[in-house]
C-alpha atoms as a PDB file:
ATOM      1  CA  MET A   1     112.074 -45.392 -46.590  1.00  0.00           C
ATOM      2  CA  THR A   2     111.899 -48.764 -44.870  1.00  0.00           C
ATOM      3  CA  LYS A   3     109.951 -49.555 -41.724  1.00  0.00           C
ATOM      4  CA  GLU A   4     113.207 -50.274 -39.863  1.00  0.00           C
ATOM      5  CA  TYR A   5     114.619 -46.898 -40.919  1.00  0.00           C
ATOM      6  CA  LEU A   6     111.473 -45.171 -39.655  1.00  0.00           C
ATOM      7  CA  LYS A   7     111.520 -47.094 -36.392  1.00  0.00           C
ATOM      8  CA  GLN A   8     115.141 -46.064 -35.793  1.00  0.00           C
ATOM      9  CA  ALA A   9     114.439 -42.450 -36.772  1.00  0.00           C
ATOM     10  CA  LEU A  10     111.532 -42.331 -34.337  1.00  0.00           C
ATOM     11  CA  LYS A  11     113.660 -43.846 -31.575  1.00  0.00           C
ATOM     12  CA  ASN A  12     116.378 -41.265 -32.244  1.00  0.00           C
ATOM     13  CA  VAL A  13     113.841 -38.448 -31.907  1.00  0.00           C
ATOM     14  CA  MET A  14     112.731 -39.873 -28.574  1.00  0.00           C
ATOM     15  CA  LYS A  15     116.216 -40.669 -27.233  1.00  0.00           C
ATOM     16  CA  ASP A  16     116.456 -37.410 -25.289  1.00  0.00           C
ATOM     17  CA  THR A  17     113.380 -38.202 -23.219  1.00  0.00           C
ATOM     18  CA  GLY A  18     115.319 -40.744 -21.159  1.00  0.00           C
ATOM     19  CA  LYS A  19     112.370 -43.111 -21.410  1.00  0.00           C
ATOM     20  CA  ASP A  20     112.318 -46.709 -22.583  1.00  0.00           C
ATOM     21  CA  THR A  21     111.599 -46.504 -26.301  1.00  0.00           C
ATOM     22  CA  GLU A  22     110.161 -50.025 -26.251  1.00  0.00           C
ATOM     23  CA  LYS A  23     107.347 -48.854 -23.956  1.00  0.00           C
ATOM     24  CA  LEU A  24     105.923 -46.410 -26.452  1.00  0.00           C
ATOM     25  CA  HIS A  25     102.398 -46.325 -25.046  1.00  0.00           C
ATOM     26  CA  GLU A  26     103.634 -45.082 -21.658  1.00  0.00           C
ATOM     27  CA  TYR A  27     104.649 -41.700 -23.028  1.00  0.00           C
ATOM     28  CA  MET A  28     102.952 -41.450 -26.400  1.00  0.00           C
ATOM     29  CA  LEU A  29     100.660 -38.581 -25.491  1.00  0.00           C
ATOM     30  CA  SER A  30     103.302 -36.288 -24.057  1.00  0.00           C
ATOM     31  CA  ASP A  31     106.418 -36.913 -26.146  1.00  0.00           C
ATOM     32  CA  VAL A  32     105.402 -38.008 -29.642  1.00  0.00           C
ATOM     33  CA  THR A  33     103.608 -35.272 -31.566  1.00  0.00           C
ATOM     34  CA  TYR A  34     102.575 -34.619 -35.137  1.00  0.00           C
ATOM     35  CA  GLU A  35     105.151 -31.799 -35.118  1.00  0.00           C
ATOM     36  CA  ARG A  36     107.858 -34.436 -34.574  1.00  0.00           C
ATOM     37  CA  LEU A  37     106.373 -36.965 -36.996  1.00  0.00           C
ATOM     38  CA  VAL A  38     105.870 -34.736 -40.049  1.00  0.00           C
ATOM     39  CA  PRO A  39     109.598 -34.005 -40.597  1.00  0.00           C
ATOM     40  CA  ILE A  40     110.350 -37.728 -40.303  1.00  0.00           C
ATOM     41  CA  ALA A  41     107.523 -38.660 -42.673  1.00  0.00           C
ATOM     42  CA  THR A  42     108.563 -36.122 -45.302  1.00  0.00           C
ATOM     43  CA  ASP A  43     112.311 -35.915 -44.704  1.00  0.00           C
ATOM     44  CA  GLY A  44     111.675 -32.195 -44.912  1.00  0.00           C
ATOM     45  CA  THR A  45     111.480 -29.036 -42.821  1.00  0.00           C
ATOM     46  CA  VAL A  46     108.232 -27.630 -41.465  1.00  0.00           C
ATOM     47  CA  LEU A  47     107.985 -24.003 -42.595  1.00  0.00           C
ATOM     48  CA  THR A  48     104.714 -23.222 -40.838  1.00  0.00           C
ATOM     49  CA  LYS A  49     101.921 -24.984 -38.979  1.00  0.00           C
ATOM     50  CA  ALA A  50      98.409 -24.087 -37.939  1.00  0.00           C
ATOM     51  CA  ASP A  51      95.742 -25.751 -35.843  1.00  0.00           C
ATOM     52  CA  ILE A  52      92.164 -25.587 -37.003  1.00  0.00           C
ATOM     53  CA  GLY A  53      89.585 -26.931 -34.644  1.00  0.00           C
ATOM     54  CA  ASN A  54      87.575 -26.466 -31.527  1.00  0.00           C
ATOM     55  CA  GLY A  55      90.042 -27.726 -28.933  1.00  0.00           C
ATOM     56  CA  TYR A  56      88.595 -31.237 -28.931  1.00  0.00           C
ATOM     57  CA  GLN A  57      89.092 -32.124 -32.567  1.00  0.00           C
ATOM     58  CA  GLY A  58      90.295 -30.549 -35.767  1.00  0.00           C
ATOM     59  CA  ASP A  59      93.196 -30.485 -38.171  1.00  0.00           C
ATOM     60  CA  HIS A  60      96.869 -29.639 -38.011  1.00  0.00           C
ATOM     61  CA  LEU A  61      98.009 -27.969 -41.243  1.00  0.00           C
ATOM     62  CA  PHE A  62     101.667 -28.047 -42.254  1.00  0.00           C
ATOM     63  CA  LEU A  63     103.687 -26.468 -45.040  1.00  0.00           C
ATOM     64  CA  VAL A  64     106.878 -28.490 -45.523  1.00  0.00           C
ATOM     65  CA  LYS A  65     109.924 -27.894 -47.711  1.00  0.00           C
ATOM     66  CA  LYS A  66     112.237 -30.584 -49.053  1.00  0.00           C
ATOM     67  CA  GLY A  67     114.773 -29.432 -51.601  1.00  0.00           C
ATOM     68  CA  ASP A  68     112.881 -27.519 -54.278  1.00  0.00           C
ATOM     69  CA  GLU A  69     109.537 -29.093 -53.417  1.00  0.00           C
ATOM     70  CA  TYR A  70     106.826 -28.084 -50.973  1.00  0.00           C
ATOM     71  CA  ALA A  71     104.140 -30.193 -49.334  1.00  0.00           C
ATOM     72  CA  ARG A  72     100.802 -29.329 -47.807  1.00  0.00           C
ATOM     73  CA  ILE A  73      99.907 -31.816 -45.097  1.00  0.00           C
ATOM     74  CA  VAL A  74      96.714 -32.121 -43.101  1.00  0.00           C
ATOM     75  CA  THR A  75      96.541 -34.395 -40.068  1.00  0.00           C
ATOM     76  CA  GLY A  76      93.397 -34.696 -38.003  1.00  0.00           C
ATOM     77  CA  TYR A  77      93.534 -34.576 -34.239  1.00  0.00           C
ATOM     78  CA  GLY A  78      91.202 -35.470 -31.420  1.00  0.00           C
ATOM     79  CA  THR A  79      91.170 -36.020 -27.682  1.00  0.00           C
ATOM     80  CA  CYS A  80      90.903 -39.810 -27.601  1.00  0.00           C
ATOM     81  CA  SER A  81      92.412 -42.876 -29.253  1.00  0.00           C
ATOM     82  CA  GLY A  82      89.235 -43.402 -31.241  1.00  0.00           C
ATOM     83  CA  CYS A  83      89.380 -40.002 -32.941  1.00  0.00           C
ATOM     84  CA  ASP A  84      93.134 -39.365 -33.169  1.00  0.00           C
ATOM     85  CA  ALA A  85      95.369 -41.857 -34.965  1.00  0.00           C
ATOM     86  CA  LEU A  86      98.448 -40.808 -32.980  1.00  0.00           C
ATOM     87  CA  TYR A  87      96.731 -41.280 -29.621  1.00  0.00           C
ATOM     88  CA  GLY A  88      95.610 -44.691 -30.812  1.00  0.00           C
ATOM     89  CA  CYS A  89      99.150 -45.917 -31.518  1.00  0.00           C
ATOM     90  CA  GLU A  90     100.232 -48.515 -28.975  1.00  0.00           C
ATOM     91  CA  SER A  91     103.261 -50.004 -30.718  1.00  0.00           C
ATOM     92  CA  TRP A  92     106.164 -48.980 -32.899  1.00  0.00           C
ATOM     93  CA  ASN A  93     104.562 -50.789 -35.834  1.00  0.00           C
ATOM     94  CA  GLU A  94     101.395 -48.698 -35.483  1.00  0.00           C
ATOM     95  CA  LEU A  95     103.465 -45.522 -35.228  1.00  0.00           C
ATOM     96  CA  VAL A  96     105.458 -46.453 -38.341  1.00  0.00           C
ATOM     97  CA  LYS A  97     102.178 -47.094 -40.172  1.00  0.00           C
ATOM     98  CA  LEU A  98     100.951 -43.630 -39.163  1.00  0.00           C
ATOM     99  CA  VAL A  99     104.188 -42.004 -40.381  1.00  0.00           C
ATOM    100  CA  LEU A 100     103.755 -43.770 -43.721  1.00  0.00           C
ATOM    101  CA  GLU A 101     100.163 -42.517 -43.922  1.00  0.00           C
ATOM    102  CA  ILE A 102     101.352 -38.956 -43.254  1.00  0.00           C
ATOM    103  CA  ARG A 103     104.016 -39.365 -45.956  1.00  0.00           C
ATOM    104  CA  ASP A 104     101.524 -40.760 -48.463  1.00  0.00           C
ATOM    105  CA  GLY A 105      98.973 -38.039 -47.699  1.00  0.00           C
ATOM    106  CA  ALA A 106     101.375 -35.179 -48.426  1.00  0.00           C
ATOM    107  CA  ILE A 107     100.482 -33.081 -51.466  1.00  0.00           C
ATOM    108  CA  TRP A 108     103.770 -32.139 -53.179  1.00  0.00           C
ATOM    109  CA  HIS A 109     104.419 -29.381 -55.697  1.00  0.00           C
ATOM    110  CA  ASP A 110     107.239 -27.195 -56.863  1.00  0.00           C
ATOM    111  CA  LYS A 111     107.039 -23.619 -55.576  1.00  0.00           C
ATOM    112  CA  ALA A 112     104.780 -22.333 -58.375  1.00  0.00           C
ATOM    113  CA  GLY A 113     102.548 -25.385 -58.045  1.00  0.00           C
ATOM    114  CA  MET A 114     102.197 -24.943 -54.293  1.00  0.00           C
ATOM    115  CA  ILE A 115     101.295 -21.282 -54.697  1.00  0.00           C
ATOM    116  CA  GLU A 116      98.630 -22.289 -57.231  1.00  0.00           C
ATOM    117  CA  ASP A 117      97.426 -25.119 -54.960  1.00  0.00           C
ATOM    118  CA  LEU A 118      97.022 -22.775 -52.006  1.00  0.00           C
ATOM    119  CA  HIS A 119      95.173 -20.201 -54.113  1.00  0.00           C
ATOM    120  CA  LYS A 120      92.804 -22.871 -55.478  1.00  0.00           C
ATOM    121  CA  HIS A 121      92.221 -24.775 -52.226  1.00  0.00           C
ATOM    122  CA  ASP A 122      89.293 -23.314 -50.372  1.00  0.00           C
ATOM    123  CA  ALA A 123      87.919 -24.336 -46.981  1.00  0.00           C
ATOM    124  CA  GLU A 124      84.384 -23.341 -47.986  1.00  0.00           C
ATOM    125  CA  GLY A 125      82.165 -26.407 -48.220  1.00  0.00           C
ATOM    126  CA  SER A 126      84.340 -28.406 -45.831  1.00  0.00           C
ATOM    127  CA  TRP A 127      83.348 -29.351 -42.299  1.00  0.00           C
ATOM    128  CA  TYR A 128      84.923 -26.115 -41.074  1.00  0.00           C
ATOM    129  CA  GLY A 129      82.763 -23.477 -39.483  1.00  0.00           C
ATOM    130  CA  ALA A 130      83.411 -19.739 -39.747  1.00  0.00           C
ATOM    131  CA  LYS A 131      86.135 -19.732 -37.067  1.00  0.00           C
ATOM    132  CA  GLN A 132      87.952 -22.647 -38.703  1.00  0.00           C
ATOM    133  CA  ILE A 133      87.679 -21.078 -42.164  1.00  0.00           C
ATOM    134  CA  ALA A 134      89.281 -17.924 -40.743  1.00  0.00           C
ATOM    135  CA  SER A 135      92.105 -20.094 -39.323  1.00  0.00           C
ATOM    136  CA  TRP A 136      92.559 -21.852 -42.691  1.00  0.00           C
ATOM    137  CA  ASN A 137      92.717 -18.480 -44.453  1.00  0.00           C
ATOM    138  CA  ALA A 138      95.320 -17.240 -41.957  1.00  0.00           C
ATOM    139  CA  PHE A 139      97.423 -20.389 -42.593  1.00  0.00           C
ATOM    140  CA  LYS A 140      97.037 -19.869 -46.332  1.00  0.00           C
ATOM    141  CA  ARG A 141      98.177 -16.218 -46.113  1.00  0.00           C
ATOM    142  CA  LYS A 142     101.175 -17.151 -43.968  1.00  0.00           C
ATOM    143  CA  ALA A 143     102.150 -20.059 -46.250  1.00  0.00           C
ATOM    144  CA  LEU A 144     101.910 -17.834 -49.343  1.00  0.00           C
ATOM    145  CA  ALA A 145     104.041 -15.157 -47.667  1.00  0.00           C
ATOM    146  CA  ILE A 146     106.684 -17.782 -46.818  1.00  0.00           C
ATOM    147  CA  LEU A 147     106.661 -19.077 -50.385  1.00  0.00           C
ATOM    148  CA  GLU A 148     107.149 -15.560 -51.705  1.00  0.00           C
ATOM    149  CA  ILE A 149     110.400 -15.108 -49.739  1.00  0.00           C
ATOM    150  CA  THR A 150     111.913 -18.601 -50.161  1.00  0.00           C
END
């Protein structure tokens, strides 16, 4: 996956907005989302997503499928460019770098490995409070149910 390929893929995603794709920063917050970036970064399909946080900051959790492999992806979010990497992107090069970071941060397994990973991964001891742990556990249950039927 080259940087030029990613840049073109991102432009294709944004083509329908009718906005100048060279002026990325003018519409970054409303049109480019993690939900649009994760499938580009993984070349896969998002099976489920959850948001864990307090409205100002937190994590987006994704379960992605590509062929016979599954990925668990966590991207942090915030309400300003200093605490959210996507909000901080002001150029295509920065956006491509973020997509590569999402790609490189994906944890890939076959189906059995992903089921084991989800069973072993526990939110206890993380920064999450009780409400966020409940959200993580709900994501985990949903992801396991999806894996059982795919």
